[in-house]
């Protein structure tokens, strides 16, 4: 029985997508899509706005973030798996730190 790649279960895909070719001619062969729940929709917007301020340093990685109800949804695309892993790690660290700050100091619901 073949061993499954654990990253595929988490949403990482390593199949090349020819439709994802930007102006620079890069092919974003690696992708991740995730949904992270927050306590409330207003707090999800606070967390998402915090995450949107953190821009990717390389054009070889694209990140989109939006809110669905009380969940922050992220889509990452990269030209190399190593870049995708680094970007996902940075996103998750920033996400959990933002959630902790909202929990500690209050979000939009508390008016603080």
PDB file of N, CA and C in Angstrom:
ATOM      1  N   UNK A   1       0.837  -1.182   0.000  1.00  0.00           N
ATOM      2  CA  UNK A   1       0.000   0.000   0.000  1.00  0.00           C
ATOM      3  C   UNK A   1       0.877   1.239   0.000  1.00  0.00           C
ATOM      4  N   UNK A   2       0.617   2.157  -0.920  1.00  0.00           N
ATOM      5  CA  UNK A   2       1.427   3.363  -1.067  1.00  0.00           C
ATOM      6  C   UNK A   2       1.141   4.332   0.071  1.00  0.00           C
ATOM      7  N   UNK A   3       2.193   4.975   0.538  1.00  0.00           N
ATOM      8  CA  UNK A   3       2.046   5.955   1.617  1.00  0.00           C
ATOM      9  C   UNK A   3       1.520   7.259   1.031  1.00  0.00           C
ATOM     10  N   UNK A   4       0.497   7.831   1.673  1.00  0.00           N
ATOM     11  CA  UNK A   4      -0.102   9.070   1.173  1.00  0.00           C
ATOM     12  C   UNK A   4       0.701  10.269   1.633  1.00  0.00           C
ATOM     13  N   UNK A   5       0.735  11.301   0.814  1.00  0.00           N
ATOM     14  CA  UNK A   5       1.400  12.544   1.143  1.00  0.00           C
ATOM     15  C   UNK A   5       0.541  13.301   2.153  1.00  0.00           C
ATOM     16  N   UNK A   6       1.040  13.614   3.353  1.00  0.00           N
ATOM     17  CA  UNK A   6       0.222  14.277   4.362  1.00  0.00           C
ATOM     18  C   UNK A   6      -0.196  15.677   3.967  1.00  0.00           C
ATOM     19  N   UNK A   7       0.553  16.323   3.082  1.00  0.00           N
ATOM     20  CA  UNK A   7       0.222  17.679   2.688  1.00  0.00           C
ATOM     21  C   UNK A   7      -1.006  17.737   1.788  1.00  0.00           C
ATOM     22  N   UNK A   8      -1.267  16.709   1.039  1.00  0.00           N
ATOM     23  CA  UNK A   8      -2.445  16.684   0.176  1.00  0.00           C
ATOM     24  C   UNK A   8      -3.711  16.693   1.023  1.00  0.00           C
ATOM     25  N   UNK A   9      -3.696  15.991   2.152  1.00  0.00           N
ATOM     26  CA  UNK A   9      -4.849  15.962   3.044  1.00  0.00           C
ATOM     27  C   UNK A   9      -5.128  17.330   3.645  1.00  0.00           C
ATOM     28  N   UNK A  10      -4.087  18.132   3.865  1.00  0.00           N
ATOM     29  CA  UNK A  10      -4.258  19.453   4.439  1.00  0.00           C
ATOM     30  C   UNK A  10      -4.631  20.508   3.405  1.00  0.00           C
ATOM     31  N   UNK A  11      -4.692  20.141   2.164  1.00  0.00           N
ATOM     32  CA  UNK A  11      -5.072  21.093   1.130  1.00  0.00           C
ATOM     33  C   UNK A  11      -3.939  21.464   0.193  1.00  0.00           C
ATOM     34  N   UNK A  12      -2.718  21.002   0.445  1.00  0.00           N
ATOM     35  CA  UNK A  12      -1.627  21.291  -0.465  1.00  0.00           C
ATOM     36  C   UNK A  12      -1.770  20.423  -1.709  1.00  0.00           C
ATOM     37  N   UNK A  13      -1.592  21.027  -2.833  1.00  0.00           N
ATOM     38  CA  UNK A  13      -1.689  20.296  -4.085  1.00  0.00           C
ATOM     39  C   UNK A  13      -0.402  20.524  -4.860  1.00  0.00           C
ATOM     40  N   UNK A  14       0.124  19.483  -5.466  1.00  0.00           N
ATOM     41  CA  UNK A  14       1.360  19.647  -6.215  1.00  0.00           C
ATOM     42  C   UNK A  14       1.175  19.416  -7.709  1.00  0.00           C
ATOM     43  N   UNK A  15      -0.032  19.533  -8.172  1.00  0.00           N
ATOM     44  CA  UNK A  15      -0.277  19.374  -9.594  1.00  0.00           C
ATOM     45  C   UNK A  15      -0.179  20.718 -10.290  1.00  0.00           C
ATOM     46  N   UNK A  16       0.440  20.723 -11.438  1.00  0.00           N
ATOM     47  CA  UNK A  16       0.614  21.945 -12.193  1.00  0.00           C
ATOM     48  C   UNK A  16      -0.712  22.390 -12.796  1.00  0.00           C
ATOM     49  N   UNK A  17      -0.983  23.681 -12.708  1.00  0.00           N
ATOM     50  CA  UNK A  17      -2.210  24.261 -13.245  1.00  0.00           C
ATOM     51  C   UNK A  17      -1.816  25.285 -14.304  1.00  0.00           C
ATOM     52  N   UNK A  18      -1.984  24.953 -15.551  1.00  0.00           N
ATOM     53  CA  UNK A  18      -1.572  25.825 -16.651  1.00  0.00           C
ATOM     54  C   UNK A  18      -2.391  27.111 -16.715  1.00  0.00           C
ATOM     55  N   UNK A  19      -3.574  27.154 -16.092  1.00  0.00           N
ATOM     56  CA  UNK A  19      -4.388  28.364 -16.144  1.00  0.00           C
ATOM     57  C   UNK A  19      -3.890  29.408 -15.161  1.00  0.00           C
ATOM     58  N   UNK A  20      -2.970  29.070 -14.267  1.00  0.00           N
ATOM     59  CA  UNK A  20      -2.487  29.998 -13.253  1.00  0.00           C
ATOM     60  C   UNK A  20      -1.164  30.633 -13.672  1.00  0.00           C
ATOM     61  N   UNK A  21      -1.075  31.126 -14.882  1.00  0.00           N
ATOM     62  CA  UNK A  21       0.148  31.738 -15.381  1.00  0.00           C
ATOM     63  C   UNK A  21      -0.018  33.255 -15.345  1.00  0.00           C
ATOM     64  N   UNK A  22       0.721  33.954 -14.455  1.00  0.00           N
ATOM     65  CA  UNK A  22       0.608  35.402 -14.375  1.00  0.00           C
ATOM     66  C   UNK A  22       1.403  36.090 -15.472  1.00  0.00           C
ATOM     67  N   UNK A  23       1.468  37.409 -15.435  1.00  0.00           N
ATOM     68  CA  UNK A  23       2.138  38.205 -16.458  1.00  0.00           C
ATOM     69  C   UNK A  23       3.605  37.838 -16.605  1.00  0.00           C
ATOM     70  N   UNK A  24       4.260  37.496 -15.501  1.00  0.00           N
ATOM     71  CA  UNK A  24       5.690  37.213 -15.540  1.00  0.00           C
ATOM     72  C   UNK A  24       6.016  35.851 -16.133  1.00  0.00           C
ATOM     73  N   UNK A  25       5.013  35.058 -16.450  1.00  0.00           N
ATOM     74  CA  UNK A  25       5.228  33.746 -17.028  1.00  0.00           C
ATOM     75  C   UNK A  25       5.513  32.667 -16.002  1.00  0.00           C
ATOM     76  N   UNK A  26       5.285  32.955 -14.723  1.00  0.00           N
ATOM     77  CA  UNK A  26       5.505  31.954 -13.676  1.00  0.00           C
ATOM     78  C   UNK A  26       4.321  30.999 -13.622  1.00  0.00           C
ATOM     79  N   UNK A  27       4.597  29.751 -13.320  1.00  0.00           N
ATOM     80  CA  UNK A  27       3.537  28.754 -13.151  1.00  0.00           C
ATOM     81  C   UNK A  27       3.453  28.426 -11.656  1.00  0.00           C
ATOM     82  N   UNK A  28       2.285  28.657 -11.075  1.00  0.00           N
ATOM     83  CA  UNK A  28       2.065  28.383  -9.663  1.00  0.00           C
ATOM     84  C   UNK A  28       1.611  26.932  -9.518  1.00  0.00           C
ATOM     85  N   UNK A  29       2.583  26.041  -9.387  1.00  0.00           N
ATOM     86  CA  UNK A  29       2.308  24.608  -9.398  1.00  0.00           C
ATOM     87  C   UNK A  29       1.842  24.080  -8.046  1.00  0.00           C
ATOM     88  N   UNK A  30       2.074  24.815  -6.977  1.00  0.00           N
ATOM     89  CA  UNK A  30       1.732  24.342  -5.632  1.00  0.00           C
ATOM     90  C   UNK A  30       0.692  25.272  -5.016  1.00  0.00           C
ATOM     91  N   UNK A  31      -0.326  24.653  -4.396  1.00  0.00           N
ATOM     92  CA  UNK A  31      -1.449  25.433  -3.869  1.00  0.00           C
ATOM     93  C   UNK A  31      -1.876  24.926  -2.496  1.00  0.00           C
ATOM     94  N   UNK A  32      -2.430  25.852  -1.722  1.00  0.00           N
ATOM     95  CA  UNK A  32      -3.036  25.510  -0.429  1.00  0.00           C
ATOM     96  C   UNK A  32      -4.294  26.346  -0.269  1.00  0.00           C
ATOM     97  N   UNK A  33      -5.359  25.727   0.197  1.00  0.00           N
ATOM     98  CA  UNK A  33      -6.580  26.443   0.553  1.00  0.00           C
ATOM     99  C   UNK A  33      -6.992  25.976   1.934  1.00  0.00           C
ATOM    100  N   UNK A  34      -7.273  26.922   2.815  1.00  0.00           N
ATOM    101  CA  UNK A  34      -7.656  26.565   4.173  1.00  0.00           C
ATOM    102  C   UNK A  34      -8.705  27.507   4.712  1.00  0.00           C
ATOM    103  N   UNK A  35      -9.425  27.019   5.695  1.00  0.00           N
ATOM    104  CA  UNK A  35     -10.463  27.803   6.364  1.00  0.00           C
ATOM    105  C   UNK A  35     -10.192  27.702   7.857  1.00  0.00           C
ATOM    106  N   UNK A  36     -10.047  28.857   8.505  1.00  0.00           N
ATOM    107  CA  UNK A  36      -9.709  28.933   9.920  1.00  0.00           C
ATOM    108  C   UNK A  36     -10.831  29.654  10.655  1.00  0.00           C
ATOM    109  N   UNK A  37     -11.465  28.967  11.605  1.00  0.00           N
ATOM    110  CA  UNK A  37     -12.591  29.547  12.328  1.00  0.00           C
ATOM    111  C   UNK A  37     -12.126  30.456  13.460  1.00  0.00           C
ATOM    112  N   UNK A  38     -12.881  31.552  13.637  1.00  0.00           N
ATOM    113  CA  UNK A  38     -12.655  32.524  14.698  1.00  0.00           C
ATOM    114  C   UNK A  38     -13.948  32.578  15.502  1.00  0.00           C
ATOM    115  N   UNK A  39     -13.906  33.129  16.705  1.00  0.00           N
ATOM    116  CA  UNK A  39     -15.077  33.122  17.583  1.00  0.00           C
ATOM    117  C   UNK A  39     -16.306  33.809  16.991  1.00  0.00           C
ATOM    118  N   UNK A  40     -16.119  34.896  16.244  1.00  0.00           N
ATOM    119  CA  UNK A  40     -17.265  35.622  15.693  1.00  0.00           C
ATOM    120  C   UNK A  40     -16.894  36.248  14.361  1.00  0.00           C
ATOM    121  N   UNK A  41     -17.909  36.635  13.595  1.00  0.00           N
ATOM    122  CA  UNK A  41     -17.650  37.249  12.293  1.00  0.00           C
ATOM    123  C   UNK A  41     -16.921  38.588  12.422  1.00  0.00           C
ATOM    124  N   UNK A  42     -17.317  39.485  13.349  1.00  0.00           N
ATOM    125  CA  UNK A  42     -16.556  40.734  13.478  1.00  0.00           C
ATOM    126  C   UNK A  42     -15.091  40.492  13.815  1.00  0.00           C
ATOM    127  N   UNK A  43     -14.813  39.514  14.679  1.00  0.00           N
ATOM    128  CA  UNK A  43     -13.425  39.204  15.004  1.00  0.00           C
ATOM    129  C   UNK A  43     -12.701  38.580  13.810  1.00  0.00           C
ATOM    130  N   UNK A  44     -13.402  37.837  12.984  1.00  0.00           N
ATOM    131  CA  UNK A  44     -12.801  37.274  11.767  1.00  0.00           C
ATOM    132  C   UNK A  44     -12.355  38.404  10.843  1.00  0.00           C
ATOM    133  N   UNK A  45     -13.136  39.483  10.767  1.00  0.00           N
ATOM    134  CA  UNK A  45     -12.746  40.629   9.947  1.00  0.00           C
ATOM    135  C   UNK A  45     -11.512  41.325  10.514  1.00  0.00           C
ATOM    136  N   UNK A  46     -11.428  41.435  11.840  1.00  0.00           N
ATOM    137  CA  UNK A  46     -10.249  42.042  12.470  1.00  0.00           C
ATOM    138  C   UNK A  46      -9.010  41.212  12.149  1.00  0.00           C
ATOM    139  N   UNK A  47      -9.113  39.903  12.298  1.00  0.00           N
ATOM    140  CA  UNK A  47      -7.982  39.006  12.024  1.00  0.00           C
ATOM    141  C   UNK A  47      -7.612  39.062  10.540  1.00  0.00           C
ATOM    142  N   UNK A  48      -8.596  39.017   9.657  1.00  0.00           N
ATOM    143  CA  UNK A  48      -8.328  39.058   8.213  1.00  0.00           C
ATOM    144  C   UNK A  48      -7.646  40.368   7.821  1.00  0.00           C
ATOM    145  N   UNK A  49      -8.100  41.484   8.383  1.00  0.00           N
ATOM    146  CA  UNK A  49      -7.467  42.773   8.075  1.00  0.00           C
ATOM    147  C   UNK A  49      -6.020  42.801   8.543  1.00  0.00           C
ATOM    148  N   UNK A  50      -5.744  42.188   9.684  1.00  0.00           N
ATOM    149  CA  UNK A  50      -4.375  42.084  10.161  1.00  0.00           C
ATOM    150  C   UNK A  50      -3.530  41.253   9.198  1.00  0.00           C
ATOM    151  N   UNK A  51      -4.094  40.150   8.722  1.00  0.00           N
ATOM    152  CA  UNK A  51      -3.369  39.266   7.809  1.00  0.00           C
ATOM    153  C   UNK A  51      -3.151  39.910   6.444  1.00  0.00           C
ATOM    154  N   UNK A  52      -4.096  40.739   6.006  1.00  0.00           N
ATOM    155  CA  UNK A  52      -3.962  41.402   4.704  1.00  0.00           C
ATOM    156  C   UNK A  52      -2.821  42.415   4.690  1.00  0.00           C
ATOM    157  N   UNK A  53      -2.463  42.932   5.865  1.00  0.00           N
ATOM    158  CA  UNK A  53      -1.364  43.898   5.947  1.00  0.00           C
ATOM    159  C   UNK A  53      -0.006  43.232   5.710  1.00  0.00           C
ATOM    160  N   UNK A  54       0.067  41.928   5.882  1.00  0.00           N
ATOM    161  CA  UNK A  54       1.310  41.177   5.712  1.00  0.00           C
ATOM    162  C   UNK A  54       1.415  40.717   4.261  1.00  0.00           C
ATOM    163  N   UNK A  55       2.159  41.455   3.457  1.00  0.00           N
ATOM    164  CA  UNK A  55       2.306  41.145   2.033  1.00  0.00           C
ATOM    165  C   UNK A  55       3.389  40.090   1.811  1.00  0.00           C
ATOM    166  N   UNK A  56       3.221  39.313   0.767  1.00  0.00           N
ATOM    167  CA  UNK A  56       4.232  38.325   0.393  1.00  0.00           C
ATOM    168  C   UNK A  56       5.467  39.054  -0.141  1.00  0.00           C
ATOM    169  N   UNK A  57       6.634  38.551   0.208  1.00  0.00           N
ATOM    170  CA  UNK A  57       7.877  39.198  -0.197  1.00  0.00           C
ATOM    171  C   UNK A  57       8.305  38.837  -1.615  1.00  0.00           C
ATOM    172  N   UNK A  58       7.754  37.776  -2.149  1.00  0.00           N
ATOM    173  CA  UNK A  58       8.156  37.297  -3.465  1.00  0.00           C
ATOM    174  C   UNK A  58       6.961  37.246  -4.405  1.00  0.00           C
ATOM    175  N   UNK A  59       7.199  37.599  -5.657  1.00  0.00           N
ATOM    176  CA  UNK A  59       6.149  37.487  -6.671  1.00  0.00           C
ATOM    177  C   UNK A  59       5.880  36.020  -6.996  1.00  0.00           C
ATOM    178  N   UNK A  60       6.730  35.127  -6.513  1.00  0.00           N
ATOM    179  CA  UNK A  60       6.551  33.702  -6.769  1.00  0.00           C
ATOM    180  C   UNK A  60       5.540  33.065  -5.823  1.00  0.00           C
ATOM    181  N   UNK A  61       4.958  33.891  -4.929  1.00  0.00           N
ATOM    182  CA  UNK A  61       3.908  33.435  -4.013  1.00  0.00           C
ATOM    183  C   UNK A  61       2.746  34.419  -4.103  1.00  0.00           C
ATOM    184  N   UNK A  62       1.534  33.893  -4.261  1.00  0.00           N
ATOM    185  CA  UNK A  62       0.328  34.718  -4.261  1.00  0.00           C
ATOM    186  C   UNK A  62      -0.563  34.284  -3.107  1.00  0.00           C
ATOM    187  N   UNK A  63      -1.148  35.276  -2.414  1.00  0.00           N
ATOM    188  CA  UNK A  63      -2.001  34.986  -1.267  1.00  0.00           C
ATOM    189  C   UNK A  63      -3.290  35.792  -1.403  1.00  0.00           C
ATOM    190  N   UNK A  64      -4.430  35.123  -1.215  1.00  0.00           N
ATOM    191  CA  UNK A  64      -5.710  35.815  -1.139  1.00  0.00           C
ATOM    192  C   UNK A  64      -6.386  35.403   0.160  1.00  0.00           C
ATOM    193  N   UNK A  65      -7.013  36.387   0.801  1.00  0.00           N
ATOM    194  CA  UNK A  65      -7.673  36.164   2.084  1.00  0.00           C
ATOM    195  C   UNK A  65      -9.054  36.784   2.017  1.00  0.00           C
ATOM    196  N   UNK A  66     -10.071  36.055   2.510  1.00  0.00           N
ATOM    197  CA  UNK A  66     -11.410  36.610   2.635  1.00  0.00           C
ATOM    198  C   UNK A  66     -12.118  35.969   3.832  1.00  0.00           C
ATOM    199  N   UNK A  67     -13.239  36.574   4.221  1.00  0.00           N
ATOM    200  CA  UNK A  67     -13.992  36.101   5.386  1.00  0.00           C
ATOM    201  C   UNK A  67     -15.292  35.474   4.913  1.00  0.00           C
ATOM    202  N   UNK A  68     -15.607  34.299   5.460  1.00  0.00           N
ATOM    203  CA  UNK A  68     -16.893  33.621   5.233  1.00  0.00           C
ATOM    204  C   UNK A  68     -17.500  33.353   6.601  1.00  0.00           C
ATOM    205  N   UNK A  69     -18.475  34.152   6.985  1.00  0.00           N
ATOM    206  CA  UNK A  69     -19.077  33.995   8.305  1.00  0.00           C
ATOM    207  C   UNK A  69     -18.051  34.272   9.377  1.00  0.00           C
ATOM    208  N   UNK A  70     -17.830  33.303  10.264  1.00  0.00           N
ATOM    209  CA  UNK A  70     -16.829  33.488  11.307  1.00  0.00           C
ATOM    210  C   UNK A  70     -15.512  32.784  10.963  1.00  0.00           C
ATOM    211  N   UNK A  71     -15.254  32.563   9.684  1.00  0.00           N
ATOM    212  CA  UNK A  71     -14.029  31.882   9.255  1.00  0.00           C
ATOM    213  C   UNK A  71     -13.195  32.779   8.342  1.00  0.00           C
ATOM    214  N   UNK A  72     -11.893  32.701   8.522  1.00  0.00           N
ATOM    215  CA  UNK A  72     -10.941  33.378   7.645  1.00  0.00           C
ATOM    216  C   UNK A  72     -10.458  32.333   6.646  1.00  0.00           C
ATOM    217  N   UNK A  73     -10.656  32.620   5.353  1.00  0.00           N
ATOM    218  CA  UNK A  73     -10.264  31.685   4.291  1.00  0.00           C
ATOM    219  C   UNK A  73      -9.011  32.208   3.600  1.00  0.00           C
ATOM    220  N   UNK A  74      -8.071  31.326   3.359  1.00  0.00           N
ATOM    221  CA  UNK A  74      -6.827  31.702   2.708  1.00  0.00           C
ATOM    222  C   UNK A  74      -6.575  30.780   1.527  1.00  0.00           C
ATOM    223  N   UNK A  75      -6.023  31.358   0.474  1.00  0.00           N
ATOM    224  CA  UNK A  75      -5.584  30.603  -0.689  1.00  0.00           C
ATOM    225  C   UNK A  75      -4.157  31.042  -0.994  1.00  0.00           C
ATOM    226  N   UNK A  76      -3.257  30.081  -1.007  1.00  0.00           N
ATOM    227  CA  UNK A  76      -1.858  30.352  -1.308  1.00  0.00           C
ATOM    228  C   UNK A  76      -1.464  29.601  -2.569  1.00  0.00           C
ATOM    229  N   UNK A  77      -0.680  30.263  -3.420  1.00  0.00           N
ATOM    230  CA  UNK A  77      -0.134  29.638  -4.622  1.00  0.00           C
ATOM    231  C   UNK A  77       1.347  29.978  -4.689  1.00  0.00           C
ATOM    232  N   UNK A  78       2.175  28.998  -5.051  1.00  0.00           N
ATOM    233  CA  UNK A  78       3.612  29.229  -5.136  1.00  0.00           C
ATOM    234  C   UNK A  78       4.218  28.434  -6.280  1.00  0.00           C
ATOM    235  N   UNK A  79       5.359  28.916  -6.721  1.00  0.00           N
ATOM    236  CA  UNK A  79       6.060  28.241  -7.805  1.00  0.00           C
ATOM    237  C   UNK A  79       6.895  27.076  -7.305  1.00  0.00           C
ATOM    238  N   UNK A  80       7.239  27.078  -5.999  1.00  0.00           N
ATOM    239  CA  UNK A  80       8.037  26.013  -5.405  1.00  0.00           C
ATOM    240  C   UNK A  80       7.393  25.567  -4.100  1.00  0.00           C
ATOM    241  N   UNK A  81       7.502  24.296  -3.788  1.00  0.00           N
ATOM    242  CA  UNK A  81       6.922  23.758  -2.564  1.00  0.00           C
ATOM    243  C   UNK A  81       7.535  24.410  -1.324  1.00  0.00           C
ATOM    244  N   UNK A  82       8.836  24.646  -1.346  1.00  0.00           N
ATOM    245  CA  UNK A  82       9.517  25.272  -0.209  1.00  0.00           C
ATOM    246  C   UNK A  82       8.930  26.653   0.075  1.00  0.00           C
ATOM    247  N   UNK A  83       8.653  27.427  -0.967  1.00  0.00           N
ATOM    248  CA  UNK A  83       8.051  28.752  -0.799  1.00  0.00           C
ATOM    249  C   UNK A  83       6.641  28.651  -0.225  1.00  0.00           C
ATOM    250  N   UNK A  84       5.883  27.657  -0.669  1.00  0.00           N
ATOM    251  CA  UNK A  84       4.528  27.477  -0.165  1.00  0.00           C
ATOM    252  C   UNK A  84       4.546  27.126   1.322  1.00  0.00           C
ATOM    253  N   UNK A  85       5.445  26.231   1.705  1.00  0.00           N
ATOM    254  CA  UNK A  85       5.551  25.846   3.114  1.00  0.00           C
ATOM    255  C   UNK A  85       5.939  27.042   3.982  1.00  0.00           C
ATOM    256  N   UNK A  86       6.883  27.841   3.526  1.00  0.00           N
ATOM    257  CA  UNK A  86       7.307  29.024   4.287  1.00  0.00           C
ATOM    258  C   UNK A  86       6.174  30.026   4.409  1.00  0.00           C
ATOM    259  N   UNK A  87       5.466  30.245   3.329  1.00  0.00           N
ATOM    260  CA  UNK A  87       4.355  31.188   3.328  1.00  0.00           C
ATOM    261  C   UNK A  87       3.228  30.715   4.234  1.00  0.00           C
ATOM    262  N   UNK A  88       2.913  29.429   4.185  1.00  0.00           N
ATOM    263  CA  UNK A  88       1.869  28.876   5.034  1.00  0.00           C
ATOM    264  C   UNK A  88       2.263  28.971   6.507  1.00  0.00           C
ATOM    265  N   UNK A  89       3.511  28.677   6.815  1.00  0.00           N
ATOM    266  CA  UNK A  89       3.991  28.778   8.188  1.00  0.00           C
ATOM    267  C   UNK A  89       3.863  30.214   8.696  1.00  0.00           C
ATOM    268  N   UNK A  90       4.283  31.184   7.895  1.00  0.00           N
ATOM    269  CA  UNK A  90       4.183  32.593   8.289  1.00  0.00           C
ATOM    270  C   UNK A  90       2.725  33.003   8.468  1.00  0.00           C
ATOM    271  N   UNK A  91       1.848  32.550   7.565  1.00  0.00           N
ATOM    272  CA  UNK A  91       0.430  32.866   7.673  1.00  0.00           C
ATOM    273  C   UNK A  91      -0.138  32.325   8.983  1.00  0.00           C
ATOM    274  N   UNK A  92       0.155  31.057   9.286  1.00  0.00           N
ATOM    275  CA  UNK A  92      -0.401  30.439  10.481  1.00  0.00           C
ATOM    276  C   UNK A  92       0.115  31.109  11.754  1.00  0.00           C
ATOM    277  N   UNK A  93       1.396  31.455  11.798  1.00  0.00           N
ATOM    278  CA  UNK A  93       1.933  32.164  12.964  1.00  0.00           C
ATOM    279  C   UNK A  93       1.223  33.498  13.152  1.00  0.00           C
ATOM    280  N   UNK A  94       1.063  34.245  12.066  1.00  0.00           N
ATOM    281  CA  UNK A  94       0.395  35.548  12.127  1.00  0.00           C
ATOM    282  C   UNK A  94      -1.079  35.368  12.508  1.00  0.00           C
ATOM    283  N   UNK A  95      -1.737  34.349  11.972  1.00  0.00           N
ATOM    284  CA  UNK A  95      -3.145  34.086  12.280  1.00  0.00           C
ATOM    285  C   UNK A  95      -3.330  33.824  13.774  1.00  0.00           C
ATOM    286  N   UNK A  96      -2.536  32.911  14.324  1.00  0.00           N
ATOM    287  CA  UNK A  96      -2.698  32.554  15.730  1.00  0.00           C
ATOM    288  C   UNK A  96      -2.325  33.721  16.647  1.00  0.00           C
ATOM    289  N   UNK A  97      -1.314  34.500  16.278  1.00  0.00           N
ATOM    290  CA  UNK A  97      -0.963  35.683  17.058  1.00  0.00           C
ATOM    291  C   UNK A  97      -2.100  36.707  17.013  1.00  0.00           C
ATOM    292  N   UNK A  98      -2.693  36.932  15.843  1.00  0.00           N
ATOM    293  CA  UNK A  98      -3.815  37.868  15.710  1.00  0.00           C
ATOM    294  C   UNK A  98      -5.012  37.411  16.535  1.00  0.00           C
ATOM    295  N   UNK A  99      -5.305  36.113  16.515  1.00  0.00           N
ATOM    296  CA  UNK A  99      -6.412  35.576  17.311  1.00  0.00           C
ATOM    297  C   UNK A  99      -6.158  35.789  18.798  1.00  0.00           C
ATOM    298  N   UNK A 100      -4.924  35.551  19.230  1.00  0.00           N
ATOM    299  CA  UNK A 100      -4.579  35.732  20.641  1.00  0.00           C
ATOM    300  C   UNK A 100      -4.722  37.203  21.044  1.00  0.00           C
ATOM    301  N   UNK A 101      -4.321  38.115  20.178  1.00  0.00           N
ATOM    302  CA  UNK A 101      -4.455  39.548  20.470  1.00  0.00           C
ATOM    303  C   UNK A 101      -5.917  39.967  20.552  1.00  0.00           C
ATOM    304  N   UNK A 102      -6.742  39.470  19.647  1.00  0.00           N
ATOM    305  CA  UNK A 102      -8.174  39.785  19.679  1.00  0.00           C
ATOM    306  C   UNK A 102      -8.801  39.220  20.948  1.00  0.00           C
ATOM    307  N   UNK A 103      -8.396  38.012  21.311  1.00  0.00           N
ATOM    308  CA  UNK A 103      -8.912  37.383  22.526  1.00  0.00           C
ATOM    309  C   UNK A 103      -8.492  38.159  23.775  1.00  0.00           C
ATOM    310  N   UNK A 104      -7.251  38.627  23.799  1.00  0.00           N
ATOM    311  CA  UNK A 104      -6.714  39.314  24.971  1.00  0.00           C
ATOM    312  C   UNK A 104      -7.243  40.738  25.107  1.00  0.00           C
ATOM    313  N   UNK A 105      -7.234  41.491  23.998  1.00  0.00           N
ATOM    314  CA  UNK A 105      -7.566  42.910  24.055  1.00  0.00           C
ATOM    315  C   UNK A 105      -8.954  43.241  23.526  1.00  0.00           C
ATOM    316  N   UNK A 106      -9.652  42.265  23.009  1.00  0.00           N
ATOM    317  CA  UNK A 106     -10.998  42.502  22.489  1.00  0.00           C
ATOM    318  C   UNK A 106     -10.959  42.861  21.018  1.00  0.00           C
ATOM    319  N   UNK A 107     -12.058  42.567  20.350  1.00  0.00           N
ATOM    320  CA  UNK A 107     -12.173  42.861  18.928  1.00  0.00           C
ATOM    321  C   UNK A 107     -13.258  43.872  18.695  1.00  0.00           C
ATOM    322  N   UNK A 108     -13.919  43.784  17.562  1.00  0.00           N
ATOM    323  CA  UNK A 108     -14.959  44.733  17.208  1.00  0.00           C
ATOM    324  C   UNK A 108     -16.192  44.588  18.103  1.00  0.00           C
ATOM    325  N   UNK A 109     -16.479  43.383  18.582  1.00  0.00           N
ATOM    326  CA  UNK A 109     -17.674  43.165  19.395  1.00  0.00           C
ATOM    327  C   UNK A 109     -17.631  43.952  20.700  1.00  0.00           C
ATOM    328  N   UNK A 110     -16.451  44.080  21.300  1.00  0.00           N
ATOM    329  CA  UNK A 110     -16.350  44.753  22.582  1.00  0.00           C
ATOM    330  C   UNK A 110     -16.187  46.261  22.424  1.00  0.00           C
ATOM    331  N   UNK A 111     -15.972  46.705  21.180  1.00  0.00           N
ATOM    332  CA  UNK A 111     -15.834  48.126  20.920  1.00  0.00           C
ATOM    333  C   UNK A 111     -14.488  48.679  21.341  1.00  0.00           C
ATOM    334  N   UNK A 112     -13.533  47.825  21.610  1.00  0.00           N
ATOM    335  CA  UNK A 112     -12.213  48.282  22.039  1.00  0.00           C
ATOM    336  C   UNK A 112     -11.267  48.336  20.877  1.00  0.00           C
TER     337      UNK A 112
END
